């Protein structure tokens, strides 16, 4: 018999006492965790670690720059579009994606779609 015994040769009274002690320690641990998580003192310590400010559009914060002004504009490829690359529109570099495939550097393209920060162009 190769059974693993935690308390080899111990009486059932000792085993009952040991198991009871483990249960009491576990229950006390749960109460300590619950107390610490609801404590106002500990909550103030966590407030120093958590950023709860929100950035609002009305305050000038934007997550995406509006590029709809480029719709219909014509630009020149500064880099090869494979299918993504950079074009120049009125002296301003714009990251774009070509509608088709590869477009060589120096060729003219037209902006056909703007969706958020994604600008799609077609070779002309």
PDB file of N, CA and C in Angstrom:
ATOM      1  N   UNK A   1       0.836  -1.172   0.000  1.00  0.00           N
ATOM      2  CA  UNK A   1       0.000   0.000   0.000  1.00  0.00           C
ATOM      3  C   UNK A   1       0.880   1.235   0.000  1.00  0.00           C
ATOM      4  N   UNK A   2       0.784   1.990  -1.080  1.00  0.00           N
ATOM      5  CA  UNK A   2       1.625   3.170  -1.209  1.00  0.00           C
ATOM      6  C   UNK A   2       0.789   4.443  -1.136  1.00  0.00           C
ATOM      7  N   UNK A   3      -0.121   4.515  -0.208  1.00  0.00           N
ATOM      8  CA  UNK A   3      -0.940   5.708  -0.036  1.00  0.00           C
ATOM      9  C   UNK A   3      -0.127   6.785   0.669  1.00  0.00           C
ATOM     10  N   UNK A   4      -0.309   8.008   0.238  1.00  0.00           N
ATOM     11  CA  UNK A   4       0.361   9.121   0.887  1.00  0.00           C
ATOM     12  C   UNK A   4      -0.529   9.585   2.025  1.00  0.00           C
ATOM     13  N   UNK A   5       0.047   9.644   3.208  1.00  0.00           N
ATOM     14  CA  UNK A   5      -0.723  10.074   4.371  1.00  0.00           C
ATOM     15  C   UNK A   5      -0.100  11.342   4.930  1.00  0.00           C
ATOM     16  N   UNK A   6      -0.952  12.322   5.172  1.00  0.00           N
ATOM     17  CA  UNK A   6      -0.460  13.585   5.723  1.00  0.00           C
ATOM     18  C   UNK A   6       0.007  13.373   7.159  1.00  0.00           C
ATOM     19  N   UNK A   7      -0.800  12.730   7.931  1.00  0.00           N
ATOM     20  CA  UNK A   7      -0.468  12.459   9.327  1.00  0.00           C
ATOM     21  C   UNK A   7      -0.342  10.949   9.491  1.00  0.00           C
ATOM     22  N   UNK A   8       0.763  10.414   9.057  1.00  0.00           N
ATOM     23  CA  UNK A   8       0.961   8.967   9.118  1.00  0.00           C
ATOM     24  C   UNK A   8       0.994   8.462  10.553  1.00  0.00           C
ATOM     25  N   UNK A   9       0.128   7.562  10.900  1.00  0.00           N
ATOM     26  CA  UNK A   9       0.090   6.958  12.225  1.00  0.00           C
ATOM     27  C   UNK A   9      -0.566   7.810  13.283  1.00  0.00           C
ATOM     28  N   UNK A  10      -1.099   8.983  12.928  1.00  0.00           N
ATOM     29  CA  UNK A  10      -1.740   9.832  13.934  1.00  0.00           C
ATOM     30  C   UNK A  10      -3.143   9.333  14.197  1.00  0.00           C
ATOM     31  N   UNK A  11      -3.598   9.618  15.377  1.00  0.00           N
ATOM     32  CA  UNK A  11      -4.951   9.181  15.744  1.00  0.00           C
ATOM     33  C   UNK A  11      -5.982  10.067  15.063  1.00  0.00           C
ATOM     34  N   UNK A  12      -7.196   9.594  15.035  1.00  0.00           N
ATOM     35  CA  UNK A  12      -8.266  10.346  14.375  1.00  0.00           C
ATOM     36  C   UNK A  12      -8.551  11.659  15.101  1.00  0.00           C
ATOM     37  N   UNK A  13      -8.303  11.728  16.396  1.00  0.00           N
ATOM     38  CA  UNK A  13      -8.531  12.969  17.145  1.00  0.00           C
ATOM     39  C   UNK A  13      -7.532  14.044  16.700  1.00  0.00           C
ATOM     40  N   UNK A  14      -6.281  13.653  16.489  1.00  0.00           N
ATOM     41  CA  UNK A  14      -5.269  14.610  16.037  1.00  0.00           C
ATOM     42  C   UNK A  14      -5.592  15.076  14.624  1.00  0.00           C
ATOM     43  N   UNK A  15      -6.030  14.170  13.775  1.00  0.00           N
ATOM     44  CA  UNK A  15      -6.386  14.530  12.404  1.00  0.00           C
ATOM     45  C   UNK A  15      -7.580  15.482  12.395  1.00  0.00           C
ATOM     46  N   UNK A  16      -8.578  15.228  13.225  1.00  0.00           N
ATOM     47  CA  UNK A  16      -9.746  16.104  13.304  1.00  0.00           C
ATOM     48  C   UNK A  16      -9.334  17.493  13.770  1.00  0.00           C
ATOM     49  N   UNK A  17      -8.433  17.570  14.741  1.00  0.00           N
ATOM     50  CA  UNK A  17      -7.946  18.845  15.243  1.00  0.00           C
ATOM     51  C   UNK A  17      -7.176  19.598  14.147  1.00  0.00           C
ATOM     52  N   UNK A  18      -6.355  18.914  13.394  1.00  0.00           N
ATOM     53  CA  UNK A  18      -5.571  19.542  12.329  1.00  0.00           C
ATOM     54  C   UNK A  18      -6.480  20.068  11.220  1.00  0.00           C
ATOM     55  N   UNK A  19      -7.447  19.275  10.794  1.00  0.00           N
ATOM     56  CA  UNK A  19      -8.375  19.729   9.759  1.00  0.00           C
ATOM     57  C   UNK A  19      -9.210  20.903  10.242  1.00  0.00           C
ATOM     58  N   UNK A  20      -9.627  20.893  11.486  1.00  0.00           N
ATOM     59  CA  UNK A  20     -10.407  21.995  12.054  1.00  0.00           C
ATOM     60  C   UNK A  20      -9.572  23.273  12.068  1.00  0.00           C
ATOM     61  N   UNK A  21      -8.294  23.150  12.418  1.00  0.00           N
ATOM     62  CA  UNK A  21      -7.420  24.312  12.448  1.00  0.00           C
ATOM     63  C   UNK A  21      -7.257  24.896  11.047  1.00  0.00           C
ATOM     64  N   UNK A  22      -7.126  24.053  10.033  1.00  0.00           N
ATOM     65  CA  UNK A  22      -7.000  24.542   8.654  1.00  0.00           C
ATOM     66  C   UNK A  22      -8.258  25.287   8.216  1.00  0.00           C
ATOM     67  N   UNK A  23      -9.420  24.785   8.589  1.00  0.00           N
ATOM     68  CA  UNK A  23     -10.684  25.424   8.222  1.00  0.00           C
ATOM     69  C   UNK A  23     -10.807  26.773   8.916  1.00  0.00           C
ATOM     70  N   UNK A  24     -10.443  26.833  10.214  1.00  0.00           N
ATOM     71  CA  UNK A  24     -10.517  28.092  10.961  1.00  0.00           C
ATOM     72  C   UNK A  24      -9.572  29.121  10.353  1.00  0.00           C
ATOM     73  N   UNK A  25      -8.371  28.726   9.987  1.00  0.00           N
ATOM     74  CA  UNK A  25      -7.405  29.651   9.384  1.00  0.00           C
ATOM     75  C   UNK A  25      -7.931  30.163   8.044  1.00  0.00           C
ATOM     76  N   UNK A  26      -8.536  29.307   7.249  1.00  0.00           N
ATOM     77  CA  UNK A  26      -9.083  29.724   5.956  1.00  0.00           C
ATOM     78  C   UNK A  26     -10.217  30.724   6.136  1.00  0.00           C
ATOM     79  N   UNK A  27     -11.111  30.466   7.084  1.00  0.00           N
ATOM     80  CA  UNK A  27     -12.245  31.364   7.334  1.00  0.00           C
ATOM     81  C   UNK A  27     -11.732  32.714   7.845  1.00  0.00           C
ATOM     82  N   UNK A  28     -10.767  32.702   8.756  1.00  0.00           N
ATOM     83  CA  UNK A  28     -10.199  33.947   9.259  1.00  0.00           C
ATOM     84  C   UNK A  28      -9.520  34.726   8.121  1.00  0.00           C
ATOM     85  N   UNK A  29      -8.842  34.030   7.241  1.00  0.00           N
ATOM     86  CA  UNK A  29      -8.212  34.686   6.103  1.00  0.00           C
ATOM     87  C   UNK A  29      -9.230  35.375   5.220  1.00  0.00           C
ATOM     88  N   UNK A  30     -10.365  34.745   4.994  1.00  0.00           N
ATOM     89  CA  UNK A  30     -11.429  35.346   4.183  1.00  0.00           C
ATOM     90  C   UNK A  30     -11.951  36.609   4.849  1.00  0.00           C
ATOM     91  N   UNK A  31     -12.171  36.559   6.171  1.00  0.00           N
ATOM     92  CA  UNK A  31     -12.653  37.741   6.884  1.00  0.00           C
ATOM     93  C   UNK A  31     -11.630  38.880   6.842  1.00  0.00           C
ATOM     94  N   UNK A  32     -10.349  38.583   6.946  1.00  0.00           N
ATOM     95  CA  UNK A  32      -9.314  39.614   6.888  1.00  0.00           C
ATOM     96  C   UNK A  32      -9.304  40.269   5.509  1.00  0.00           C
ATOM     97  N   UNK A  33      -9.401  39.473   4.464  1.00  0.00           N
ATOM     98  CA  UNK A  33      -9.419  40.026   3.102  1.00  0.00           C
ATOM     99  C   UNK A  33     -10.650  40.902   2.901  1.00  0.00           C
ATOM    100  N   UNK A  34     -11.816  40.460   3.358  1.00  0.00           N
ATOM    101  CA  UNK A  34     -13.036  41.253   3.227  1.00  0.00           C
ATOM    102  C   UNK A  34     -12.935  42.552   4.012  1.00  0.00           C
ATOM    103  N   UNK A  35     -12.373  42.509   5.195  1.00  0.00           N
ATOM    104  CA  UNK A  35     -12.219  43.714   6.013  1.00  0.00           C
ATOM    105  C   UNK A  35     -11.280  44.715   5.340  1.00  0.00           C
ATOM    106  N   UNK A  36     -10.168  44.224   4.842  1.00  0.00           N
ATOM    107  CA  UNK A  36      -9.206  45.123   4.205  1.00  0.00           C
ATOM    108  C   UNK A  36      -9.736  45.721   2.907  1.00  0.00           C
ATOM    109  N   UNK A  37     -10.556  44.973   2.185  1.00  0.00           N
ATOM    110  CA  UNK A  37     -11.077  45.499   0.925  1.00  0.00           C
ATOM    111  C   UNK A  37     -12.164  46.542   1.156  1.00  0.00           C
ATOM    112  N   UNK A  38     -12.837  46.511   2.313  1.00  0.00           N
ATOM    113  CA  UNK A  38     -13.900  47.473   2.601  1.00  0.00           C
ATOM    114  C   UNK A  38     -13.439  48.607   3.496  1.00  0.00           C
ATOM    115  N   UNK A  39     -12.231  48.577   3.958  1.00  0.00           N
ATOM    116  CA  UNK A  39     -11.728  49.588   4.880  1.00  0.00           C
ATOM    117  C   UNK A  39     -11.533  50.918   4.177  1.00  0.00           C
ATOM    118  N   UNK A  40     -11.992  52.009   4.776  1.00  0.00           N
ATOM    119  CA  UNK A  40     -11.847  53.353   4.204  1.00  0.00           C
ATOM    120  C   UNK A  40     -10.379  53.773   4.186  1.00  0.00           C
ATOM    121  N   UNK A  41      -9.631  53.364   5.192  1.00  0.00           N
ATOM    122  CA  UNK A  41      -8.219  53.725   5.263  1.00  0.00           C
ATOM    123  C   UNK A  41      -7.461  53.142   4.067  1.00  0.00           C
ATOM    124  N   UNK A  42      -7.713  51.896   3.750  1.00  0.00           N
ATOM    125  CA  UNK A  42      -7.026  51.257   2.634  1.00  0.00           C
ATOM    126  C   UNK A  42      -7.526  51.791   1.297  1.00  0.00           C
ATOM    127  N   UNK A  43      -8.781  52.212   1.254  1.00  0.00           N
ATOM    128  CA  UNK A  43      -9.319  52.767   0.014  1.00  0.00           C
ATOM    129  C   UNK A  43      -8.598  54.062  -0.336  1.00  0.00           C
ATOM    130  N   UNK A  44      -8.268  54.867   0.685  1.00  0.00           N
ATOM    131  CA  UNK A  44      -7.572  56.118   0.399  1.00  0.00           C
ATOM    132  C   UNK A  44      -6.150  55.843  -0.105  1.00  0.00           C
ATOM    133  N   UNK A  45      -5.537  54.759   0.336  1.00  0.00           N
ATOM    134  CA  UNK A  45      -4.215  54.404  -0.166  1.00  0.00           C
ATOM    135  C   UNK A  45      -4.294  54.016  -1.642  1.00  0.00           C
ATOM    136  N   UNK A  46      -5.360  53.327  -2.008  1.00  0.00           N
ATOM    137  CA  UNK A  46      -5.520  52.913  -3.403  1.00  0.00           C
ATOM    138  C   UNK A  46      -5.869  54.088  -4.302  1.00  0.00           C
ATOM    139  N   UNK A  47      -6.531  55.113  -3.756  1.00  0.00           N
ATOM    140  CA  UNK A  47      -6.879  56.282  -4.567  1.00  0.00           C
ATOM    141  C   UNK A  47      -5.647  56.977  -5.118  1.00  0.00           C
ATOM    142  N   UNK A  48      -4.545  56.902  -4.408  1.00  0.00           N
ATOM    143  CA  UNK A  48      -3.319  57.525  -4.884  1.00  0.00           C
ATOM    144  C   UNK A  48      -2.743  56.780  -6.088  1.00  0.00           C
ATOM    145  N   UNK A  49      -3.113  55.523  -6.262  1.00  0.00           N
ATOM    146  CA  UNK A  49      -2.581  54.724  -7.351  1.00  0.00           C
ATOM    147  C   UNK A  49      -3.470  54.711  -8.589  1.00  0.00           C
ATOM    148  N   UNK A  50      -4.719  55.127  -8.435  1.00  0.00           N
ATOM    149  CA  UNK A  50      -5.693  55.019  -9.525  1.00  0.00           C
ATOM    150  C   UNK A  50      -5.978  56.398 -10.107  1.00  0.00           C
ATOM    151  N   UNK A  51      -5.897  56.510 -11.428  1.00  0.00           N
ATOM    152  CA  UNK A  51      -6.230  57.747 -12.115  1.00  0.00           C
ATOM    153  C   UNK A  51      -7.710  57.708 -12.469  1.00  0.00           C
ATOM    154  N   UNK A  52      -8.491  58.632 -11.908  1.00  0.00           N
ATOM    155  CA  UNK A  52      -9.917  58.622 -12.194  1.00  0.00           C
ATOM    156  C   UNK A  52     -10.368  59.870 -12.947  1.00  0.00           C
ATOM    157  N   UNK A  53      -9.419  60.624 -13.515  1.00  0.00           N
ATOM    158  CA  UNK A  53      -9.789  61.764 -14.337  1.00  0.00           C
ATOM    159  C   UNK A  53     -10.215  61.284 -15.717  1.00  0.00           C
ATOM    160  N   UNK A  54     -11.145  61.999 -16.309  1.00  0.00           N
ATOM    161  CA  UNK A  54     -11.612  61.652 -17.640  1.00  0.00           C
ATOM    162  C   UNK A  54     -11.287  62.794 -18.588  1.00  0.00           C
ATOM    163  N   UNK A  55     -10.825  62.453 -19.772  1.00  0.00           N
ATOM    164  CA  UNK A  55     -10.524  63.462 -20.772  1.00  0.00           C
ATOM    165  C   UNK A  55     -11.754  63.640 -21.653  1.00  0.00           C
ATOM    166  N   UNK A  56     -12.241  64.858 -21.736  1.00  0.00           N
ATOM    167  CA  UNK A  56     -13.469  65.155 -22.463  1.00  0.00           C
ATOM    168  C   UNK A  56     -13.146  65.878 -23.766  1.00  0.00           C
ATOM    169  N   UNK A  57     -13.956  65.635 -24.805  1.00  0.00           N
ATOM    170  CA  UNK A  57     -13.783  66.321 -26.086  1.00  0.00           C
ATOM    171  C   UNK A  57     -13.960  67.829 -25.924  1.00  0.00           C
ATOM    172  N   UNK A  58     -14.869  68.242 -25.044  1.00  0.00           N
ATOM    173  CA  UNK A  58     -15.121  69.674 -24.874  1.00  0.00           C
ATOM    174  C   UNK A  58     -13.916  70.394 -24.271  1.00  0.00           C
ATOM    175  N   UNK A  59     -13.026  69.642 -23.624  1.00  0.00           N
ATOM    176  CA  UNK A  59     -11.810  70.225 -23.053  1.00  0.00           C
ATOM    177  C   UNK A  59     -10.656  70.211 -24.050  1.00  0.00           C
ATOM    178  N   UNK A  60     -10.907  69.726 -25.261  1.00  0.00           N
ATOM    179  CA  UNK A  60      -9.880  69.732 -26.285  1.00  0.00           C
ATOM    180  C   UNK A  60      -9.194  68.397 -26.503  1.00  0.00           C
ATOM    181  N   UNK A  61      -9.622  67.357 -25.791  1.00  0.00           N
ATOM    182  CA  UNK A  61      -9.009  66.042 -25.971  1.00  0.00           C
ATOM    183  C   UNK A  61      -9.762  65.285 -27.049  1.00  0.00           C
ATOM    184  N   UNK A  62      -9.029  64.754 -28.022  1.00  0.00           N
ATOM    185  CA  UNK A  62      -9.647  63.935 -29.054  1.00  0.00           C
ATOM    186  C   UNK A  62      -8.821  62.674 -29.244  1.00  0.00           C
ATOM    187  N   UNK A  63      -9.485  61.568 -29.467  1.00  0.00           N
ATOM    188  CA  UNK A  63      -8.773  60.314 -29.667  1.00  0.00           C
ATOM    189  C   UNK A  63      -8.401  60.104 -31.130  1.00  0.00           C
ATOM    190  N   UNK A  64      -9.151  60.720 -32.042  1.00  0.00           N
ATOM    191  CA  UNK A  64      -8.897  60.572 -33.475  1.00  0.00           C
ATOM    192  C   UNK A  64      -8.925  61.963 -34.108  1.00  0.00           C
ATOM    193  N   UNK A  65      -7.900  62.269 -34.884  1.00  0.00           N
ATOM    194  CA  UNK A  65      -7.869  63.543 -35.594  1.00  0.00           C
ATOM    195  C   UNK A  65      -8.782  63.443 -36.812  1.00  0.00           C
ATOM    196  N   UNK A  66      -9.657  64.413 -36.974  1.00  0.00           N
ATOM    197  CA  UNK A  66     -10.604  64.408 -38.085  1.00  0.00           C
ATOM    198  C   UNK A  66      -9.870  64.676 -39.394  1.00  0.00           C
ATOM    199  N   UNK A  67      -9.916  63.706 -40.290  1.00  0.00           N
ATOM    200  CA  UNK A  67      -9.228  63.838 -41.576  1.00  0.00           C
ATOM    201  C   UNK A  67     -10.209  63.950 -42.739  1.00  0.00           C
ATOM    202  N   UNK A  68     -11.466  64.268 -42.435  1.00  0.00           N
ATOM    203  CA  UNK A  68     -12.472  64.358 -43.497  1.00  0.00           C
ATOM    204  C   UNK A  68     -12.188  65.512 -44.456  1.00  0.00           C
ATOM    205  N   UNK A  69     -11.343  66.468 -44.053  1.00  0.00           N
ATOM    206  CA  UNK A  69     -11.002  67.588 -44.950  1.00  0.00           C
ATOM    207  C   UNK A  69     -10.235  67.126 -46.180  1.00  0.00           C
ATOM    208  N   UNK A  70      -9.655  65.921 -46.113  1.00  0.00           N
ATOM    209  CA  UNK A  70      -8.880  65.409 -47.242  1.00  0.00           C
ATOM    210  C   UNK A  70      -9.741  64.696 -48.283  1.00  0.00           C
ATOM    211  N   UNK A  71     -11.014  64.463 -48.000  1.00  0.00           N
ATOM    212  CA  UNK A  71     -11.881  63.725 -48.927  1.00  0.00           C
ATOM    213  C   UNK A  71     -11.950  64.448 -50.274  1.00  0.00           C
ATOM    214  N   UNK A  72     -11.585  63.747 -51.335  1.00  0.00           N
ATOM    215  CA  UNK A  72     -11.594  64.299 -52.689  1.00  0.00           C
ATOM    216  C   UNK A  72     -10.301  64.997 -53.070  1.00  0.00           C
ATOM    217  N   UNK A  73      -9.378  65.143 -52.135  1.00  0.00           N
ATOM    218  CA  UNK A  73      -8.117  65.833 -52.422  1.00  0.00           C
ATOM    219  C   UNK A  73      -7.188  64.936 -53.237  1.00  0.00           C
ATOM    220  N   UNK A  74      -6.277  65.576 -53.951  1.00  0.00           N
ATOM    221  CA  UNK A  74      -5.297  64.850 -54.761  1.00  0.00           C
ATOM    222  C   UNK A  74      -3.919  65.088 -54.152  1.00  0.00           C
ATOM    223  N   UNK A  75      -3.155  63.994 -54.026  1.00  0.00           N
ATOM    224  CA  UNK A  75      -1.832  64.084 -53.441  1.00  0.00           C
ATOM    225  C   UNK A  75      -0.827  63.265 -54.224  1.00  0.00           C
ATOM    226  N   UNK A  76       0.427  63.376 -53.820  1.00  0.00           N
ATOM    227  CA  UNK A  76       1.522  62.654 -54.469  1.00  0.00           C
ATOM    228  C   UNK A  76       2.123  61.696 -53.452  1.00  0.00           C
ATOM    229  N   UNK A  77       2.409  60.480 -53.895  1.00  0.00           N
ATOM    230  CA  UNK A  77       2.977  59.466 -52.998  1.00  0.00           C
ATOM    231  C   UNK A  77       4.411  59.833 -52.613  1.00  0.00           C
ATOM    232  N   UNK A  78       4.650  59.941 -51.343  1.00  0.00           N
ATOM    233  CA  UNK A  78       5.991  60.201 -50.825  1.00  0.00           C
ATOM    234  C   UNK A  78       6.734  58.880 -50.681  1.00  0.00           C
ATOM    235  N   UNK A  79       6.005  57.834 -50.341  1.00  0.00           N
ATOM    236  CA  UNK A  79       6.555  56.482 -50.241  1.00  0.00           C
ATOM    237  C   UNK A  79       5.742  55.573 -51.148  1.00  0.00           C
ATOM    238  N   UNK A  80       6.256  54.385 -51.409  1.00  0.00           N
ATOM    239  CA  UNK A  80       5.462  53.381 -52.114  1.00  0.00           C
ATOM    240  C   UNK A  80       4.284  52.998 -51.219  1.00  0.00           C
ATOM    241  N   UNK A  81       3.118  52.825 -51.838  1.00  0.00           N
ATOM    242  CA  UNK A  81       1.954  52.348 -51.092  1.00  0.00           C
ATOM    243  C   UNK A  81       1.874  50.845 -51.313  1.00  0.00           C
ATOM    244  N   UNK A  82       2.037  50.055 -50.233  1.00  0.00           N
ATOM    245  CA  UNK A  82       2.077  48.582 -50.351  1.00  0.00           C
ATOM    246  C   UNK A  82       1.099  47.907 -49.413  1.00  0.00           C
ATOM    247  N   UNK A  83      -0.052  48.063 -49.253  1.00  0.00           N
ATOM    248  CA  UNK A  83      -0.908  49.128 -49.751  1.00  0.00           C
ATOM    249  C   UNK A  83      -0.893  50.369 -48.864  1.00  0.00           C
ATOM    250  N   UNK A  84      -0.208  50.340 -47.718  1.00  0.00           N
ATOM    251  CA  UNK A  84      -0.159  51.515 -46.846  1.00  0.00           C
ATOM    252  C   UNK A  84       1.109  52.311 -47.112  1.00  0.00           C
ATOM    253  N   UNK A  85       1.036  53.604 -46.885  1.00  0.00           N
ATOM    254  CA  UNK A  85       2.187  54.465 -47.067  1.00  0.00           C
ATOM    255  C   UNK A  85       1.826  55.904 -46.761  1.00  0.00           C
ATOM    256  N   UNK A  86       2.640  56.822 -47.257  1.00  0.00           N
ATOM    257  CA  UNK A  86       2.448  58.242 -46.971  1.00  0.00           C
ATOM    258  C   UNK A  86       2.343  59.018 -48.277  1.00  0.00           C
ATOM    259  N   UNK A  87       1.392  59.946 -48.292  1.00  0.00           N
ATOM    260  CA  UNK A  87       1.264  60.859 -49.430  1.00  0.00           C
ATOM    261  C   UNK A  87       1.398  62.286 -48.906  1.00  0.00           C
ATOM    262  N   UNK A  88       1.588  63.221 -49.815  1.00  0.00           N
ATOM    263  CA  UNK A  88       1.694  64.631 -49.458  1.00  0.00           C
ATOM    264  C   UNK A  88       0.522  65.362 -50.094  1.00  0.00           C
ATOM    265  N   UNK A  89      -0.290  66.027 -49.261  1.00  0.00           N
ATOM    266  CA  UNK A  89      -1.421  66.821 -49.744  1.00  0.00           C
ATOM    267  C   UNK A  89      -1.207  68.253 -49.252  1.00  0.00           C
ATOM    268  N   UNK A  90      -1.021  69.178 -50.159  1.00  0.00           N
ATOM    269  CA  UNK A  90      -0.805  70.592 -49.842  1.00  0.00           C
ATOM    270  C   UNK A  90       0.293  70.773 -48.801  1.00  0.00           C
ATOM    271  N   UNK A  91       1.392  70.037 -48.960  1.00  0.00           N
ATOM    272  CA  UNK A  91       2.531  70.167 -48.064  1.00  0.00           C
ATOM    273  C   UNK A  91       2.380  69.454 -46.735  1.00  0.00           C
ATOM    274  N   UNK A  92       1.293  68.701 -46.555  1.00  0.00           N
ATOM    275  CA  UNK A  92       1.041  67.985 -45.296  1.00  0.00           C
ATOM    276  C   UNK A  92       1.131  66.476 -45.534  1.00  0.00           C
ATOM    277  N   UNK A  93       1.982  65.764 -44.794  1.00  0.00           N
ATOM    278  CA  UNK A  93       2.055  64.311 -44.968  1.00  0.00           C
ATOM    279  C   UNK A  93       0.830  63.632 -44.346  1.00  0.00           C
ATOM    280  N   UNK A  94       0.296  62.654 -45.075  1.00  0.00           N
ATOM    281  CA  UNK A  94      -0.896  61.933 -44.614  1.00  0.00           C
ATOM    282  C   UNK A  94      -0.635  60.440 -44.778  1.00  0.00           C
ATOM    283  N   UNK A  95      -0.866  59.668 -43.726  1.00  0.00           N
ATOM    284  CA  UNK A  95      -0.774  58.212 -43.810  1.00  0.00           C
ATOM    285  C   UNK A  95      -2.043  57.685 -44.453  1.00  0.00           C
ATOM    286  N   UNK A  96      -1.883  56.852 -45.493  1.00  0.00           N
ATOM    287  CA  UNK A  96      -3.028  56.383 -46.271  1.00  0.00           C
ATOM    288  C   UNK A  96      -2.909  54.894 -46.556  1.00  0.00           C
ATOM    289  N   UNK A  97      -4.013  54.356 -47.083  1.00  0.00           N
ATOM    290  CA  UNK A  97      -4.073  52.974 -47.566  1.00  0.00           C
ATOM    291  C   UNK A  97      -4.629  53.029 -48.977  1.00  0.00           C
ATOM    292  N   UNK A  98      -3.989  52.304 -49.894  1.00  0.00           N
ATOM    293  CA  UNK A  98      -4.476  52.325 -51.277  1.00  0.00           C
ATOM    294  C   UNK A  98      -5.647  51.360 -51.425  1.00  0.00           C
ATOM    295  N   UNK A  99      -6.530  51.715 -52.345  1.00  0.00           N
ATOM    296  CA  UNK A  99      -7.720  50.894 -52.601  1.00  0.00           C
ATOM    297  C   UNK A  99      -7.334  49.569 -53.243  1.00  0.00           C
ATOM    298  N   UNK A 100      -6.419  49.632 -54.166  1.00  0.00           N
ATOM    299  CA  UNK A 100      -6.005  48.430 -54.863  1.00  0.00           C
ATOM    300  C   UNK A 100      -4.786  47.824 -54.209  1.00  0.00           C
ATOM    301  N   UNK A 101      -3.738  47.752 -54.952  1.00  0.00           N
ATOM    302  CA  UNK A 101      -2.522  47.162 -54.431  1.00  0.00           C
ATOM    303  C   UNK A 101      -1.405  48.165 -54.349  1.00  0.00           C
ATOM    304  N   UNK A 102      -0.305  47.845 -55.006  1.00  0.00           N
ATOM    305  CA  UNK A 102       0.926  48.613 -54.963  1.00  0.00           C
ATOM    306  C   UNK A 102       0.806  49.891 -55.808  1.00  0.00           C
ATOM    307  N   UNK A 103       1.233  51.027 -55.237  1.00  0.00           N
ATOM    308  CA  UNK A 103       1.302  52.289 -55.975  1.00  0.00           C
ATOM    309  C   UNK A 103       2.712  52.837 -55.771  1.00  0.00           C
ATOM    310  N   UNK A 104       3.397  53.144 -56.874  1.00  0.00           N
ATOM    311  CA  UNK A 104       4.794  53.596 -56.794  1.00  0.00           C
ATOM    312  C   UNK A 104       4.908  55.028 -56.268  1.00  0.00           C
ATOM    313  N   UNK A 105       6.041  55.280 -55.652  1.00  0.00           N
ATOM    314  CA  UNK A 105       6.381  56.613 -55.157  1.00  0.00           C
ATOM    315  C   UNK A 105       6.396  57.606 -56.310  1.00  0.00           C
ATOM    316  N   UNK A 106       5.845  58.817 -56.077  1.00  0.00           N
ATOM    317  CA  UNK A 106       5.833  59.862 -57.095  1.00  0.00           C
ATOM    318  C   UNK A 106       4.553  59.928 -57.909  1.00  0.00           C
ATOM    319  N   UNK A 107       3.721  58.874 -57.860  1.00  0.00           N
ATOM    320  CA  UNK A 107       2.464  58.884 -58.613  1.00  0.00           C
ATOM    321  C   UNK A 107       1.394  59.663 -57.862  1.00  0.00           C
ATOM    322  N   UNK A 108       0.398  60.167 -58.614  1.00  0.00           N
ATOM    323  CA  UNK A 108      -0.702  60.926 -58.020  1.00  0.00           C
ATOM    324  C   UNK A 108      -1.827  59.994 -57.602  1.00  0.00           C
ATOM    325  N   UNK A 109      -2.453  60.329 -56.487  1.00  0.00           N
ATOM    326  CA  UNK A 109      -3.582  59.560 -55.967  1.00  0.00           C
ATOM    327  C   UNK A 109      -4.670  60.523 -55.516  1.00  0.00           C
ATOM    328  N   UNK A 110      -5.898  59.991 -55.446  1.00  0.00           N
ATOM    329  CA  UNK A 110      -7.037  60.786 -54.989  1.00  0.00           C
ATOM    330  C   UNK A 110      -7.640  60.119 -53.761  1.00  0.00           C
ATOM    331  N   UNK A 111      -7.983  60.917 -52.763  1.00  0.00           N
ATOM    332  CA  UNK A 111      -8.607  60.402 -51.538  1.00  0.00           C
ATOM    333  C   UNK A 111     -10.063  60.087 -51.865  1.00  0.00           C
ATOM    334  N   UNK A 112     -10.444  58.811 -51.698  1.00  0.00           N
ATOM    335  CA  UNK A 112     -11.807  58.394 -52.040  1.00  0.00           C
ATOM    336  C   UNK A 112     -12.668  58.084 -50.819  1.00  0.00           C
ATOM    337  N   UNK A 113     -12.034  57.877 -49.666  1.00  0.00           N
ATOM    338  CA  UNK A 113     -12.816  57.537 -48.472  1.00  0.00           C
ATOM    339  C   UNK A 113     -12.018  57.919 -47.223  1.00  0.00           C
ATOM    340  N   UNK A 114     -12.715  58.462 -46.230  1.00  0.00           N
ATOM    341  CA  UNK A 114     -12.111  58.764 -44.934  1.00  0.00           C
ATOM    342  C   UNK A 114     -13.022  58.176 -43.873  1.00  0.00           C
ATOM    343  N   UNK A 115     -12.465  57.272 -43.057  1.00  0.00           N
ATOM    344  CA  UNK A 115     -13.233  56.633 -41.991  1.00  0.00           C
ATOM    345  C   UNK A 115     -12.421  56.753 -40.701  1.00  0.00           C
ATOM    346  N   UNK A 116     -12.742  57.762 -39.891  1.00  0.00           N
ATOM    347  CA  UNK A 116     -11.969  58.010 -38.681  1.00  0.00           C
ATOM    348  C   UNK A 116     -10.583  58.494 -39.048  1.00  0.00           C
ATOM    349  N   UNK A 117      -9.575  57.721 -38.672  1.00  0.00           N
ATOM    350  CA  UNK A 117      -8.204  58.096 -39.020  1.00  0.00           C
ATOM    351  C   UNK A 117      -7.703  57.340 -40.243  1.00  0.00           C
ATOM    352  N   UNK A 118      -8.545  56.493 -40.819  1.00  0.00           N
ATOM    353  CA  UNK A 118      -8.145  55.725 -42.001  1.00  0.00           C
ATOM    354  C   UNK A 118      -8.515  56.503 -43.272  1.00  0.00           C
ATOM    355  N   UNK A 119      -7.501  56.759 -44.093  1.00  0.00           N
ATOM    356  CA  UNK A 119      -7.700  57.499 -45.342  1.00  0.00           C
ATOM    357  C   UNK A 119      -7.386  56.542 -46.485  1.00  0.00           C
ATOM    358  N   UNK A 120      -8.372  56.356 -47.384  1.00  0.00           N
ATOM    359  CA  UNK A 120      -8.196  55.430 -48.516  1.00  0.00           C
ATOM    360  C   UNK A 120      -8.047  56.238 -49.794  1.00  0.00           C
ATOM    361  N   UNK A 121      -7.078  55.827 -50.636  1.00  0.00           N
ATOM    362  CA  UNK A 121      -6.794  56.546 -51.878  1.00  0.00           C
ATOM    363  C   UNK A 121      -6.864  55.590 -53.070  1.00  0.00           C
ATOM    364  N   UNK A 122      -7.012  56.205 -54.253  1.00  0.00           N
ATOM    365  CA  UNK A 122      -7.027  55.459 -55.519  1.00  0.00           C
ATOM    366  C   UNK A 122      -6.061  56.161 -56.464  1.00  0.00           C
ATOM    367  N   UNK A 123      -5.272  55.353 -57.174  1.00  0.00           N
ATOM    368  CA  UNK A 123      -4.318  55.914 -58.141  1.00  0.00           C
ATOM    369  C   UNK A 123      -5.087  56.565 -59.293  1.00  0.00           C
ATOM    370  N   UNK A 124      -4.601  57.739 -59.718  1.00  0.00           N
ATOM    371  CA  UNK A 124      -5.260  58.440 -60.854  1.00  0.00           C
ATOM    372  C   UNK A 124      -4.284  58.573 -62.002  1.00  0.00           C
TER     373      UNK A 124
END
